PDB file of all heavy atoms in Angstrom:
ATOM      1  N   ALA A   1     199.721  98.197 -33.470  1.00  0.00           N
ATOM      2  CA  ALA A   1     198.278  98.014 -33.542  1.00  0.00           C
ATOM      3  C   ALA A   1     197.821  96.773 -32.769  1.00  0.00           C
ATOM      4  O   ALA A   1     196.786  96.803 -32.063  1.00  0.00           O
ATOM      5  CB  ALA A   1     197.858  97.925 -35.013  1.00  0.00           C
ATOM      6  N   MET A   2     198.598  95.698 -32.829  1.00  0.00           N
ATOM      7  CA  MET A   2     198.270  94.511 -32.063  1.00  0.00           C
ATOM      8  C   MET A   2     198.366  94.763 -30.588  1.00  0.00           C
ATOM      9  O   MET A   2     197.520  94.313 -29.762  1.00  0.00           O
ATOM     10  CB  MET A   2     199.207  93.343 -32.456  1.00  0.00           C
ATOM     11  CG  MET A   2     198.870  92.007 -31.862  1.00  0.00           C
ATOM     12  SD  MET A   2     200.068  90.736 -32.325  1.00  0.00           S
ATOM     13  CE  MET A   2     199.912  90.794 -34.117  1.00  0.00           C
ATOM     14  N   ALA A   3     199.374  95.531 -30.148  1.00  0.00           N
ATOM     15  CA  ALA A   3     199.530  95.820 -28.741  1.00  0.00           C
ATOM     16  C   ALA A   3     198.390  96.718 -28.254  1.00  0.00           C
ATOM     17  O   ALA A   3     197.877  96.536 -27.108  1.00  0.00           O
ATOM     18  CB  ALA A   3     200.891  96.488 -28.490  1.00  0.00           C
ATOM     19  N   ILE A   4     197.969  97.653 -29.088  1.00  0.00           N
ATOM     20  CA  ILE A   4     196.903  98.564 -28.657  1.00  0.00           C
ATOM     21  C   ILE A   4     195.574  97.849 -28.550  1.00  0.00           C
ATOM     22  O   ILE A   4     194.776  98.115 -27.605  1.00  0.00           O
ATOM     23  CB  ILE A   4     196.811  99.753 -29.642  1.00  0.00           C
ATOM     24  CG1 ILE A   4     198.039 100.625 -29.509  1.00  0.00           C
ATOM     25  CG2 ILE A   4     195.569 100.597 -29.376  1.00  0.00           C
ATOM     26  CD1 ILE A   4     198.106 101.742 -30.542  1.00  0.00           C
ATOM     27  N   CYS A   5     195.302  96.918 -29.417  1.00  0.00           N
ATOM     28  CA  CYS A   5     193.999  96.264 -29.468  1.00  0.00           C
ATOM     29  C   CYS A   5     193.884  95.065 -28.526  1.00  0.00           C
ATOM     30  O   CYS A   5     192.785  94.528 -28.381  1.00  0.00           O
ATOM     31  CB  CYS A   5     193.707  95.799 -30.894  1.00  0.00           C
ATOM     32  SG  CYS A   5     193.591  97.150 -32.101  1.00  0.00           S
ATOM     33  N   THR A   6     194.948  94.642 -27.880  1.00  0.00           N
ATOM     34  CA  THR A   6     194.900  93.493 -26.998  1.00  0.00           C
ATOM     35  C   THR A   6     195.065  93.934 -25.565  1.00  0.00           C
ATOM     36  O   THR A   6     195.450  95.081 -25.268  1.00  0.00           O
ATOM     37  CB  THR A   6     196.009  92.484 -27.360  1.00  0.00           C
ATOM     38  OG1 THR A   6     197.275  93.151 -27.396  1.00  0.00           O
ATOM     39  CG2 THR A   6     195.750  91.837 -28.715  1.00  0.00           C
ATOM     40  N   ASP A   7     194.779  93.000 -24.650  1.00  0.00           N
ATOM     41  CA  ASP A   7     194.716  93.329 -23.210  1.00  0.00           C
ATOM     42  C   ASP A   7     195.782  92.627 -22.379  1.00  0.00           C
ATOM     43  O   ASP A   7     195.607  92.478 -21.193  1.00  0.00           O
ATOM     44  CB  ASP A   7     193.336  92.937 -22.641  1.00  0.00           C
ATOM     45  CG  ASP A   7     192.191  93.615 -23.375  1.00  0.00           C
ATOM     46  OD1 ASP A   7     192.350  94.818 -23.673  1.00  0.00           O
ATOM     47  OD2 ASP A   7     191.171  92.951 -23.668  1.00  0.00           O
ATOM     48  N   TYR A   8     196.890  92.242 -23.001  1.00  0.00           N
ATOM     49  CA  TYR A   8     197.917  91.479 -22.279  1.00  0.00           C
ATOM     50  C   TYR A   8     199.144  92.339 -22.020  1.00  0.00           C
ATOM     51  O   TYR A   8     200.277  91.916 -22.214  1.00  0.00           O
ATOM     52  CB  TYR A   8     198.304  90.238 -23.082  1.00  0.00           C
ATOM     53  CG  TYR A   8     197.185  89.221 -23.162  1.00  0.00           C
ATOM     54  CD1 TYR A   8     196.266  89.289 -24.204  1.00  0.00           C
ATOM     55  CD2 TYR A   8     197.021  88.221 -22.217  1.00  0.00           C
ATOM     56  CE1 TYR A   8     195.225  88.359 -24.285  1.00  0.00           C
ATOM     57  CE2 TYR A   8     196.009  87.285 -22.312  1.00  0.00           C
ATOM     58  CZ  TYR A   8     195.115  87.368 -23.354  1.00  0.00           C
ATOM     59  OH  TYR A   8     194.092  86.475 -23.426  1.00  0.00           O
ATOM     60  N   TRP A   9     198.924  93.564 -21.539  1.00  0.00           N
ATOM     61  CA  TRP A   9     200.024  94.410 -21.135  1.00  0.00           C
ATOM     62  C   TRP A   9     200.565  94.021 -19.769  1.00  0.00           C
ATOM     63  O   TRP A   9     201.779  94.038 -19.552  1.00  0.00           O
ATOM     64  CB  TRP A   9     199.581  95.872 -21.144  1.00  0.00           C
ATOM     65  CG  TRP A   9     199.389  96.456 -22.491  1.00  0.00           C
ATOM     66  CD1 TRP A   9     198.420  96.125 -23.396  1.00  0.00           C
ATOM     67  CD2 TRP A   9     200.179  97.481 -23.139  1.00  0.00           C
ATOM     68  NE1 TRP A   9     198.541  96.868 -24.537  1.00  0.00           N
ATOM     69  CE2 TRP A   9     199.617  97.705 -24.398  1.00  0.00           C
ATOM     70  CE3 TRP A   9     201.273  98.185 -22.746  1.00  0.00           C
ATOM     71  CZ2 TRP A   9     200.134  98.627 -25.303  1.00  0.00           C
ATOM     72  CZ3 TRP A   9     201.792  99.121 -23.635  1.00  0.00           C
ATOM     73  CH2 TRP A   9     201.243  99.331 -24.875  1.00  0.00           C
ATOM     74  N   TYR A  10     199.691  93.674 -18.874  1.00  0.00           N
ATOM     75  CA  TYR A  10     200.077  93.347 -17.494  1.00  0.00           C
ATOM     76  C   TYR A  10     199.212  92.215 -16.994  1.00  0.00           C
ATOM     77  O   TYR A  10     197.984  92.231 -17.185  1.00  0.00           O
ATOM     78  CB  TYR A  10     199.948  94.586 -16.583  1.00  0.00           C
ATOM     79  CG  TYR A  10     200.458  94.368 -15.188  1.00  0.00           C
ATOM     80  CD1 TYR A  10     201.817  94.273 -14.913  1.00  0.00           C
ATOM     81  CD2 TYR A  10     199.586  94.280 -14.090  1.00  0.00           C
ATOM     82  CE1 TYR A  10     202.286  94.071 -13.664  1.00  0.00           C
ATOM     83  CE2 TYR A  10     200.047  94.084 -12.835  1.00  0.00           C
ATOM     84  CZ  TYR A  10     201.390  93.984 -12.594  1.00  0.00           C
ATOM     85  OH  TYR A  10     201.871  93.790 -11.343  1.00  0.00           O
ATOM     86  N   GLU A  11     199.820  91.199 -16.375  1.00  0.00           N
ATOM     87  CA  GLU A  11     199.110  89.993 -15.938  1.00  0.00           C
ATOM     88  C   GLU A  11     199.415  89.719 -14.475  1.00  0.00           C
ATOM     89  O   GLU A  11     200.511  89.975 -13.978  1.00  0.00           O
ATOM     90  CB  GLU A  11     199.564  88.797 -16.788  1.00  0.00           C
ATOM     91  CG  GLU A  11     199.373  88.946 -18.279  1.00  0.00           C
ATOM     92  CD  GLU A  11     199.952  87.799 -19.059  1.00  0.00           C
ATOM     93  OE1 GLU A  11     200.695  86.986 -18.448  1.00  0.00           O
ATOM     94  OE2 GLU A  11     199.686  87.699 -20.266  1.00  0.00           O
ATOM     95  N   THR A  12     198.398  89.184 -13.803  1.00  0.00           N
ATOM     96  CA  THR A  12     198.542  88.723 -12.429  1.00  0.00           C
ATOM     97  C   THR A  12     197.967  87.319 -12.312  1.00  0.00           C
ATOM     98  O   THR A  12     196.994  86.989 -12.986  1.00  0.00           O
ATOM     99  CB  THR A  12     197.833  89.663 -11.422  1.00  0.00           C
ATOM    100  OG1 THR A  12     196.423  89.671 -11.766  1.00  0.00           O
ATOM    101  CG2 THR A  12     198.388  91.045 -11.483  1.00  0.00           C
ATOM    102  N   ASP A  13     198.587  86.500 -11.466  1.00  0.00           N
ATOM    103  CA  ASP A  13     198.151  85.132 -11.225  1.00  0.00           C
ATOM    104  C   ASP A  13     198.013  84.952  -9.714  1.00  0.00           C
ATOM    105  O   ASP A  13     199.013  84.922  -8.991  1.00  0.00           O
ATOM    106  CB  ASP A  13     199.183  84.165 -11.764  1.00  0.00           C
ATOM    107  CG  ASP A  13     198.688  82.710 -11.723  1.00  0.00           C
ATOM    108  OD1 ASP A  13     197.591  82.465 -11.188  1.00  0.00           O
ATOM    109  OD2 ASP A  13     199.410  81.814 -12.188  1.00  0.00           O
ATOM    110  N   ALA A  14     196.781  84.855  -9.223  1.00  0.00           N
ATOM    111  CA  ALA A  14     196.485  84.756  -7.810  1.00  0.00           C
ATOM    112  C   ALA A  14     196.080  83.346  -7.355  1.00  0.00           C
ATOM    113  O   ALA A  14     195.548  83.204  -6.269  1.00  0.00           O
ATOM    114  CB  ALA A  14     195.377  85.762  -7.437  1.00  0.00           C
ATOM    115  N   ARG A  15     196.371  82.342  -8.137  1.00  0.00           N
ATOM    116  CA  ARG A  15     195.947  80.991  -7.756  1.00  0.00           C
ATOM    117  C   ARG A  15     196.670  80.479  -6.511  1.00  0.00           C
ATOM    118  O   ARG A  15     196.064  79.891  -5.641  1.00  0.00           O
ATOM    119  CB  ARG A  15     196.206  80.029  -8.935  1.00  0.00           C
ATOM    120  CG  ARG A  15     195.245  80.265 -10.104  1.00  0.00           C
ATOM    121  CD  ARG A  15     195.542  79.338 -11.270  1.00  0.00           C
ATOM    122  NE  ARG A  15     196.845  79.664 -11.856  1.00  0.00           N
ATOM    123  CZ  ARG A  15     197.370  79.002 -12.904  1.00  0.00           C
ATOM    124  NH1 ARG A  15     196.657  78.037 -13.491  1.00  0.00           N
ATOM    125  NH2 ARG A  15     198.556  79.341 -13.417  1.00  0.00           N
ATOM    126  N   ARG A  16     197.969  80.723  -6.429  1.00  0.00           N
ATOM    127  CA  ARG A  16     198.698  80.258  -5.239  1.00  0.00           C
ATOM    128  C   ARG A  16     198.245  80.993  -3.998  1.00  0.00           C
ATOM    129  O   ARG A  16     198.148  80.406  -2.925  1.00  0.00           O
ATOM    130  CB  ARG A  16     200.184  80.464  -5.477  1.00  0.00           C
ATOM    131  CG  ARG A  16     201.076  79.857  -4.400  1.00  0.00           C
ATOM    132  CD  ARG A  16     202.534  79.930  -4.782  1.00  0.00           C
ATOM    133  NE  ARG A  16     202.930  81.302  -4.983  1.00  0.00           N
ATOM    134  CZ  ARG A  16     204.211  81.669  -5.248  1.00  0.00           C
ATOM    135  NH1 ARG A  16     205.133  80.728  -5.402  1.00  0.00           N
ATOM    136  NH2 ARG A  16     204.517  82.927  -5.390  1.00  0.00           N
ATOM    137  N   HIS A  17     197.939  82.267  -4.151  1.00  0.00           N
ATOM    138  CA  HIS A  17     197.458  83.056  -2.988  1.00  0.00           C
ATOM    139  C   HIS A  17     196.105  82.569  -2.537  1.00  0.00           C
ATOM    140  O   HIS A  17     195.828  82.451  -1.350  1.00  0.00           O
ATOM    141  CB  HIS A  17     197.377  84.532  -3.351  1.00  0.00           C
ATOM    142  CG  HIS A  17     196.836  85.396  -2.286  1.00  0.00           C
ATOM    143  ND1 HIS A  17     197.540  85.735  -1.144  1.00  0.00           N
ATOM    144  CD2 HIS A  17     195.600  85.982  -2.155  1.00  0.00           C
ATOM    145  CE1 HIS A  17     196.790  86.510  -0.401  1.00  0.00           C
ATOM    146  NE2 HIS A  17     195.612  86.674  -0.973  1.00  0.00           N
ATOM    147  N   ARG A  18     195.208  82.250  -3.478  1.00  0.00           N
ATOM    148  CA  ARG A  18     193.898  81.755  -3.115  1.00  0.00           C
ATOM    149  C   ARG A  18     193.973  80.396  -2.393  1.00  0.00           C
ATOM    150  O   ARG A  18     193.292  80.158  -1.409  1.00  0.00           O
ATOM    151  CB  ARG A  18     193.050  81.606  -4.361  1.00  0.00           C
ATOM    152  CG  ARG A  18     192.424  82.931  -4.844  1.00  0.00           C
ATOM    153  CD  ARG A  18     191.669  82.724  -6.119  1.00  0.00           C
ATOM    154  NE  ARG A  18     190.888  83.888  -6.478  1.00  0.00           N
ATOM    155  CZ  ARG A  18     189.601  84.045  -6.192  1.00  0.00           C
ATOM    156  NH1 ARG A  18     188.963  83.115  -5.489  1.00  0.00           N
ATOM    157  NH2 ARG A  18     188.965  85.119  -6.543  1.00  0.00           N
ATOM    158  N   ASP A  19     194.844  79.515  -2.909  1.00  0.00           N
ATOM    159  CA  ASP A  19     195.003  78.202  -2.226  1.00  0.00           C
ATOM    160  C   ASP A  19     195.577  78.390  -0.828  1.00  0.00           C
ATOM    161  O   ASP A  19     195.156  77.684   0.100  1.00  0.00           O
ATOM    162  CB  ASP A  19     195.937  77.322  -3.085  1.00  0.00           C
ATOM    163  CG  ASP A  19     195.345  76.976  -4.432  1.00  0.00           C
ATOM    164  OD1 ASP A  19     194.099  77.049  -4.557  1.00  0.00           O
ATOM    165  OD2 ASP A  19     196.105  76.641  -5.371  1.00  0.00           O
ATOM    166  N   ARG A  20     196.505  79.288  -0.693  1.00  0.00           N
ATOM    167  CA  ARG A  20     197.071  79.543   0.638  1.00  0.00           C
ATOM    168  C   ARG A  20     196.056  80.073   1.594  1.00  0.00           C
ATOM    169  O   ARG A  20     195.991  79.672   2.778  1.00  0.00           O
ATOM    170  CB  ARG A  20     198.257  80.488   0.503  1.00  0.00           C
ATOM    171  CG  ARG A  20     199.040  80.708   1.814  1.00  0.00           C
ATOM    172  CD  ARG A  20     200.183  81.687   1.547  1.00  0.00           C
ATOM    173  NE  ARG A  20     200.919  81.949   2.764  1.00  0.00           N
ATOM    174  CZ  ARG A  20     201.863  82.872   2.894  1.00  0.00           C
ATOM    175  NH1 ARG A  20     202.218  83.578   1.801  1.00  0.00           N
ATOM    176  NH2 ARG A  20     202.475  83.079   4.013  1.00  0.00           N
ATOM    177  N   CYS A  21     195.208  80.984   1.146  1.00  0.00           N
ATOM    178  CA  CYS A  21     194.174  81.547   2.027  1.00  0.00           C
ATOM    179  C   CYS A  21     193.094  80.505   2.352  1.00  0.00           C
ATOM    180  O   CYS A  21     192.557  80.490   3.445  1.00  0.00           O
ATOM    181  CB  CYS A  21     193.535  82.767   1.365  1.00  0.00           C
ATOM    182  SG  CYS A  21     194.608  84.193   1.285  1.00  0.00           S
ATOM    183  N   LYS A  22     192.804  79.630   1.384  1.00  0.00           N
ATOM    184  CA  LYS A  22     191.844  78.560   1.671  1.00  0.00           C
ATOM    185  C   LYS A  22     192.383  77.601   2.719  1.00  0.00           C
ATOM    186  O   LYS A  22     191.655  77.182   3.642  1.00  0.00           O
ATOM    187  CB  LYS A  22     191.508  77.825   0.391  1.00  0.00           C
ATOM    188  CG  LYS A  22     190.605  78.578  -0.570  1.00  0.00           C
ATOM    189  CD  LYS A  22     190.341  77.764  -1.825  1.00  0.00           C
ATOM    190  CE  LYS A  22     189.484  78.536  -2.789  1.00  0.00           C
ATOM    191  NZ  LYS A  22     189.194  77.766  -4.029  1.00  0.00           N
ATOM    192  N   ASN A  23     193.634  77.259   2.626  1.00  0.00           N
ATOM    193  CA  ASN A  23     194.242  76.384   3.628  1.00  0.00           C
ATOM    194  C   ASN A  23     194.293  77.047   5.005  1.00  0.00           C
ATOM    195  O   ASN A  23     194.088  76.390   6.036  1.00  0.00           O
ATOM    196  CB  ASN A  23     195.649  75.974   3.205  1.00  0.00           C
ATOM    197  CG  ASN A  23     195.643  75.129   1.964  1.00  0.00           C
ATOM    198  OD1 ASN A  23     194.694  74.423   1.656  1.00  0.00           O
ATOM    199  ND2 ASN A  23     196.732  75.225   1.182  1.00  0.00           N
ATOM    200  N   HIS A  24     194.505  78.355   4.998  1.00  0.00           N
ATOM    201  CA  HIS A  24     194.523  79.099   6.251  1.00  0.00           C
ATOM    202  C   HIS A  24     193.121  79.212   6.850  1.00  0.00           C
ATOM    203  O   HIS A  24     192.955  79.171   8.081  1.00  0.00           O
ATOM    204  CB  HIS A  24     195.099  80.478   6.036  1.00  0.00           C
ATOM    205  CG  HIS A  24     195.183  81.304   7.298  1.00  0.00           C
ATOM    206  ND1 HIS A  24     196.096  81.065   8.292  1.00  0.00           N
ATOM    207  CD2 HIS A  24     194.435  82.353   7.701  1.00  0.00           C
ATOM    208  CE1 HIS A  24     195.946  81.945   9.243  1.00  0.00           C
ATOM    209  NE2 HIS A  24     194.951  82.742   8.935  1.00  0.00           N
ATOM    210  N   ALA A  25     192.103  79.299   6.025  1.00  0.00           N
ATOM    211  CA  ALA A  25     190.736  79.417   6.508  1.00  0.00           C
ATOM    212  C   ALA A  25     190.146  78.088   6.913  1.00  0.00           C
ATOM    213  O   ALA A  25     189.190  78.066   7.731  1.00  0.00           O
ATOM    214  CB  ALA A  25     189.853  80.111   5.448  1.00  0.00           C
ATOM    215  N   ASN A  26     190.649  77.018   6.342  1.00  0.00           N
ATOM    216  CA  ASN A  26     190.070  75.684   6.637  1.00  0.00           C
ATOM    217  C   ASN A  26     190.644  74.986   7.842  1.00  0.00           C
ATOM    218  O   ASN A  26     190.373  73.829   8.084  1.00  0.00           O
ATOM    219  CB  ASN A  26     190.246  74.767   5.412  1.00  0.00           C
ATOM    220  CG  ASN A  26     189.403  75.213   4.249  1.00  0.00           C
ATOM    221  OD1 ASN A  26     188.354  75.879   4.419  1.00  0.00           O
ATOM    222  ND2 ASN A  26     189.835  74.875   3.031  1.00  0.00           N
ATOM    223  N   LYS A  27     191.477  75.681   8.607  1.00  0.00           N
ATOM    224  CA  LYS A  27     192.013  75.060   9.815  1.00  0.00           C
ATOM    225  C   LYS A  27     190.913  74.883  10.853  1.00  0.00           C
ATOM    226  O   LYS A  27     189.937  75.646  10.868  1.00  0.00           O
ATOM    227  CB  LYS A  27     193.176  75.887  10.353  1.00  0.00           C
ATOM    228  CG  LYS A  27     192.733  77.278  10.856  1.00  0.00           C
ATOM    229  CD  LYS A  27     193.918  78.077  11.338  1.00  0.00           C
ATOM    230  CE  LYS A  27     193.452  79.440  11.849  1.00  0.00           C
ATOM    231  NZ  LYS A  27     194.608  80.235  12.297  1.00  0.00           N
ATOM    232  N   ARG A  28     191.055  73.916  11.723  1.00  0.00           N
ATOM    233  CA  ARG A  28     189.999  73.597  12.702  1.00  0.00           C
ATOM    234  C   ARG A  28     189.926  74.686  13.753  1.00  0.00           C
ATOM    235  O   ARG A  28     190.902  75.182  14.262  1.00  0.00           O
ATOM    236  CB  ARG A  28     190.340  72.259  13.345  1.00  0.00           C
ATOM    237  CG  ARG A  28     190.262  71.072  12.439  1.00  0.00           C
ATOM    238  CD  ARG A  28     190.680  69.802  13.129  1.00  0.00           C
ATOM    239  NE  ARG A  28     189.855  69.576  14.325  1.00  0.00           N
ATOM    240  CZ  ARG A  28     190.046  68.550  15.177  1.00  0.00           C
ATOM    241  NH1 ARG A  28     191.040  67.671  14.957  1.00  0.00           N
ATOM    242  NH2 ARG A  28     189.283  68.399  16.228  1.00  0.00           N
ATOM    243  N   ASN A  29     188.660  75.048  14.060  1.00  0.00           N
ATOM    244  CA  ASN A  29     188.430  76.042  15.077  1.00  0.00           C
ATOM    245  C   ASN A  29     187.404  75.556  16.101  1.00  0.00           C
ATOM    246  O   ASN A  29     186.735  76.377  16.786  1.00  0.00           O
ATOM    247  CB  ASN A  29     187.962  77.369  14.465  1.00  0.00           C
ATOM    248  CG  ASN A  29     186.725  77.175  13.588  1.00  0.00           C
ATOM    249  OD1 ASN A  29     186.238  76.052  13.461  1.00  0.00           O
ATOM    250  ND2 ASN A  29     186.280  78.273  12.969  1.00  0.00           N
ATOM    251  N   ASP A  30     187.227  74.217  16.213  1.00  0.00           N
ATOM    252  CA  ASP A  30     186.278  73.703  17.170  1.00  0.00           C
ATOM    253  C   ASP A  30     186.865  73.834  18.583  1.00  0.00           C
ATOM    254  O   ASP A  30     188.072  73.899  18.775  1.00  0.00           O
ATOM    255  CB  ASP A  30     185.976  72.257  16.864  1.00  0.00           C
ATOM    256  CG  ASP A  30     187.214  71.414  16.700  1.00  0.00           C
ATOM    257  OD1 ASP A  30     187.991  71.702  15.744  1.00  0.00           O
ATOM    258  OD2 ASP A  30     187.453  70.497  17.504  1.00  0.00           O
ATOM    259  N   PRO A  31     186.014  73.878  19.585  1.00  0.00           N
ATOM    260  CA  PRO A  31     186.502  74.036  20.969  1.00  0.00           C
ATOM    261  C   PRO A  31     187.375  72.854  21.401  1.00  0.00           C
ATOM    262  O   PRO A  31     187.101  71.692  21.091  1.00  0.00           O
ATOM    263  CB  PRO A  31     185.203  74.086  21.791  1.00  0.00           C
ATOM    264  CG  PRO A  31     184.138  74.463  20.826  1.00  0.00           C
ATOM    265  CD  PRO A  31     184.552  73.909  19.526  1.00  0.00           C
ATOM    266  N   GLY A  32     188.426  73.161  22.093  1.00  0.00           N
ATOM    267  CA  GLY A  32     189.343  72.137  22.582  1.00  0.00           C
ATOM    268  C   GLY A  32     190.496  71.837  21.632  1.00  0.00           C
ATOM    269  O   GLY A  32     191.410  71.109  22.005  1.00  0.00           O
ATOM    270  N   TYR A  33     190.456  72.388  20.391  1.00  0.00           N
ATOM    271  CA  TYR A  33     191.549  72.165  19.461  1.00  0.00           C
ATOM    272  C   TYR A  33     192.424  73.406  19.394  1.00  0.00           C
ATOM    273  O   TYR A  33     191.938  74.521  19.247  1.00  0.00           O
ATOM    274  CB  TYR A  33     190.977  71.867  18.044  1.00  0.00           C
ATOM    275  CG  TYR A  33     192.071  71.639  16.998  1.00  0.00           C
ATOM    276  CD1 TYR A  33     192.765  70.453  16.933  1.00  0.00           C
ATOM    277  CD2 TYR A  33     192.387  72.650  16.106  1.00  0.00           C
ATOM    278  CE1 TYR A  33     193.750  70.263  15.994  1.00  0.00           C
ATOM    279  CE2 TYR A  33     193.372  72.471  15.147  1.00  0.00           C
ATOM    280  CZ  TYR A  33     194.045  71.266  15.097  1.00  0.00           C
ATOM    281  OH  TYR A  33     195.027  71.074  14.147  1.00  0.00           O
ATOM    282  N   ILE A  34     193.704  73.216  19.511  1.00  0.00           N
ATOM    283  CA  ILE A  34     194.672  74.288  19.491  1.00  0.00           C
ATOM    284  C   ILE A  34     195.490  74.144  18.212  1.00  0.00           C
ATOM    285  O   ILE A  34     196.134  73.118  17.972  1.00  0.00           O
ATOM    286  CB  ILE A  34     195.629  74.251  20.729  1.00  0.00           C
ATOM    287  CG1 ILE A  34     194.793  74.352  22.013  1.00  0.00           C
ATOM    288  CG2 ILE A  34     196.658  75.353  20.649  1.00  0.00           C
ATOM    289  CD1 ILE A  34     195.622  74.223  23.270  1.00  0.00           C
ATOM    290  N   TYR A  35     195.408  75.177  17.358  1.00  0.00           N
ATOM    291  CA  TYR A  35     196.153  75.132  16.095  1.00  0.00           C
ATOM    292  C   TYR A  35     197.573  75.623  16.345  1.00  0.00           C
ATOM    293  O   TYR A  35     197.784  76.716  16.889  1.00  0.00           O
ATOM    294  CB  TYR A  35     195.461  76.017  15.055  1.00  0.00           C
ATOM    295  CG  TYR A  35     196.217  76.117  13.759  1.00  0.00           C
ATOM    296  CD1 TYR A  35     196.163  75.056  12.827  1.00  0.00           C
ATOM    297  CD2 TYR A  35     196.986  77.239  13.476  1.00  0.00           C
ATOM    298  CE1 TYR A  35     196.832  75.153  11.644  1.00  0.00           C
ATOM    299  CE2 TYR A  35     197.669  77.310  12.280  1.00  0.00           C
ATOM    300  CZ  TYR A  35     197.606  76.279  11.367  1.00  0.00           C
ATOM    301  OH  TYR A  35     198.290  76.376  10.196  1.00  0.00           O
ATOM    302  N   ILE A  36     198.545  74.808  15.956  1.00  0.00           N
ATOM    303  CA  ILE A  36     199.957  75.182  16.086  1.00  0.00           C
ATOM    304  C   ILE A  36     200.584  75.044  14.710  1.00  0.00           C
ATOM    305  O   ILE A  36     200.592  73.979  14.091  1.00  0.00           O
ATOM    306  CB  ILE A  36     200.669  74.247  17.110  1.00  0.00           C
ATOM    307  CG1 ILE A  36     199.984  74.326  18.469  1.00  0.00           C
ATOM    308  CG2 ILE A  36     202.131  74.611  17.205  1.00  0.00           C
ATOM    309  CD1 ILE A  36     200.566  73.380  19.492  1.00  0.00           C
ATOM    310  N   SER A  37     201.053  76.154  14.188  1.00  0.00           N
ATOM    311  CA  SER A  37     201.691  76.129  12.871  1.00  0.00           C
ATOM    312  C   SER A  37     203.088  75.544  12.961  1.00  0.00           C
ATOM    313  O   SER A  37     203.692  75.443  14.029  1.00  0.00           O
ATOM    314  CB  SER A  37     201.757  77.552  12.297  1.00  0.00           C
ATOM    315  OG  SER A  37     202.570  78.370  13.104  1.00  0.00           O
ATOM    316  N   ASN A  38     203.636  75.184  11.804  1.00  0.00           N
ATOM    317  CA  ASN A  38     204.969  74.603  11.777  1.00  0.00           C
ATOM    318  C   ASN A  38     206.048  75.596  12.143  1.00  0.00           C
ATOM    319  O   ASN A  38     207.165  75.226  12.510  1.00  0.00           O
ATOM    320  CB  ASN A  38     205.236  74.040  10.362  1.00  0.00           C
ATOM    321  CG  ASN A  38     204.334  72.880  10.044  1.00  0.00           C
ATOM    322  OD1 ASN A  38     203.910  72.148  10.943  1.00  0.00           O
ATOM    323  ND2 ASN A  38     204.010  72.700   8.749  1.00  0.00           N
ATOM    324  N   HIS A  39     205.720  76.910  12.014  1.00  0.00           N
ATOM    325  CA  HIS A  39     206.742  77.906  12.304  1.00  0.00           C
ATOM    326  C   HIS A  39     207.049  77.958  13.810  1.00  0.00           C
ATOM    327  O   HIS A  39     208.086  78.463  14.206  1.00  0.00           O
ATOM    328  CB  HIS A  39     206.279  79.266  11.827  1.00  0.00           C
ATOM    329  CG  HIS A  39     206.099  79.344  10.358  1.00  0.00           C
ATOM    330  ND1 HIS A  39     207.165  79.226   9.486  1.00  0.00           N
ATOM    331  CD2 HIS A  39     205.004  79.505   9.596  1.00  0.00           C
ATOM    332  CE1 HIS A  39     206.730  79.314   8.251  1.00  0.00           C
ATOM    333  NE2 HIS A  39     205.407  79.506   8.297  1.00  0.00           N
ATOM    334  N   ASN A  40     206.111  77.468  14.648  1.00  0.00           N
ATOM    335  CA  ASN A  40     206.298  77.579  16.065  1.00  0.00           C
ATOM    336  C   ASN A  40     206.967  76.359  16.707  1.00  0.00           C
ATOM    337  O   ASN A  40     207.081  76.284  17.916  1.00  0.00           O
ATOM    338  CB  ASN A  40     204.962  77.774  16.776  1.00  0.00           C
ATOM    339  CG  ASN A  40     204.335  79.125  16.345  1.00  0.00           C
ATOM    340  OD1 ASN A  40     205.027  80.058  16.067  1.00  0.00           O
ATOM    341  ND2 ASN A  40     202.974  79.169  16.336  1.00  0.00           N
ATOM    342  N   LEU A  41     207.374  75.393  15.880  1.00  0.00           N
ATOM    343  CA  LEU A  41     208.107  74.225  16.395  1.00  0.00           C
ATOM    344  C   LEU A  41     209.501  74.652  16.866  1.00  0.00           C
ATOM    345  O   LEU A  41     210.051  75.607  16.285  1.00  0.00           O
ATOM    346  CB  LEU A  41     208.216  73.168  15.329  1.00  0.00           C
ATOM    347  CG  LEU A  41     206.868  72.532  14.898  1.00  0.00           C
ATOM    348  CD1 LEU A  41     207.108  71.571  13.764  1.00  0.00           C
ATOM    349  CD2 LEU A  41     206.145  71.873  16.063  1.00  0.00           C
ATOM    350  N   PRO A  42     210.081  74.038  17.881  1.00  0.00           N
ATOM    351  CA  PRO A  42     209.630  72.865  18.603  1.00  0.00           C
ATOM    352  C   PRO A  42     208.471  73.163  19.540  1.00  0.00           C
ATOM    353  O   PRO A  42     208.280  74.275  19.978  1.00  0.00           O
ATOM    354  CB  PRO A  42     210.889  72.420  19.383  1.00  0.00           C
ATOM    355  CG  PRO A  42     211.618  73.680  19.578  1.00  0.00           C
ATOM    356  CD  PRO A  42     211.397  74.515  18.361  1.00  0.00           C
ATOM    357  N   LEU A  43     207.710  72.064  19.832  1.00  0.00           N
ATOM    358  CA  LEU A  43     206.494  72.241  20.628  1.00  0.00           C
ATOM    359  C   LEU A  43     206.796  72.508  22.085  1.00  0.00           C
ATOM    360  O   LEU A  43     206.020  73.158  22.776  1.00  0.00           O
ATOM    361  CB  LEU A  43     205.627  70.975  20.512  1.00  0.00           C
ATOM    362  CG  LEU A  43     205.166  70.639  19.073  1.00  0.00           C
ATOM    363  CD1 LEU A  43     204.333  69.374  19.119  1.00  0.00           C
ATOM    364  CD2 LEU A  43     204.382  71.772  18.474  1.00  0.00           C
ATOM    365  N   GLN A  44     207.904  72.023  22.579  1.00  0.00           N
ATOM    366  CA  GLN A  44     208.232  72.209  23.968  1.00  0.00           C
ATOM    367  C   GLN A  44     208.895  73.581  24.198  1.00  0.00           C
ATOM    368  O   GLN A  44     209.899  73.894  23.560  1.00  0.00           O
ATOM    369  CB  GLN A  44     209.194  71.090  24.441  1.00  0.00           C
ATOM    370  CG  GLN A  44     209.483  71.167  25.956  1.00  0.00           C
ATOM    371  CD  GLN A  44     210.404  70.039  26.375  1.00  0.00           C
ATOM    372  OE1 GLN A  44     210.799  69.242  25.548  1.00  0.00           O
ATOM    373  NE2 GLN A  44     210.670  69.941  27.651  1.00  0.00           N
ATOM    374  N   MET A  45     208.278  74.355  25.042  1.00  0.00           N
ATOM    375  CA  MET A  45     208.819  75.681  25.326  1.00  0.00           C
ATOM    376  C   MET A  45     209.998  75.571  26.277  1.00  0.00           C
ATOM    377  O   MET A  45     210.023  74.711  27.188  1.00  0.00           O
ATOM    378  CB  MET A  45     207.738  76.563  25.964  1.00  0.00           C
ATOM    379  CG  MET A  45     206.529  76.815  25.039  1.00  0.00           C
ATOM    380  SD  MET A  45     207.040  77.758  23.589  1.00  0.00           S
ATOM    381  CE  MET A  45     207.506  79.277  24.363  1.00  0.00           C
TER     382      MET A  45
END
């Protein structure tokens, strides 16, 4: 009866995903600035 009357059968936590998307959206996009992620290091091709 407790299981039927409550809503905690399945839970999701999207806080880390929201923070990651905010950091991705807040990167600079002004002219003359080139965004280089850490995955593309080393910088010298």
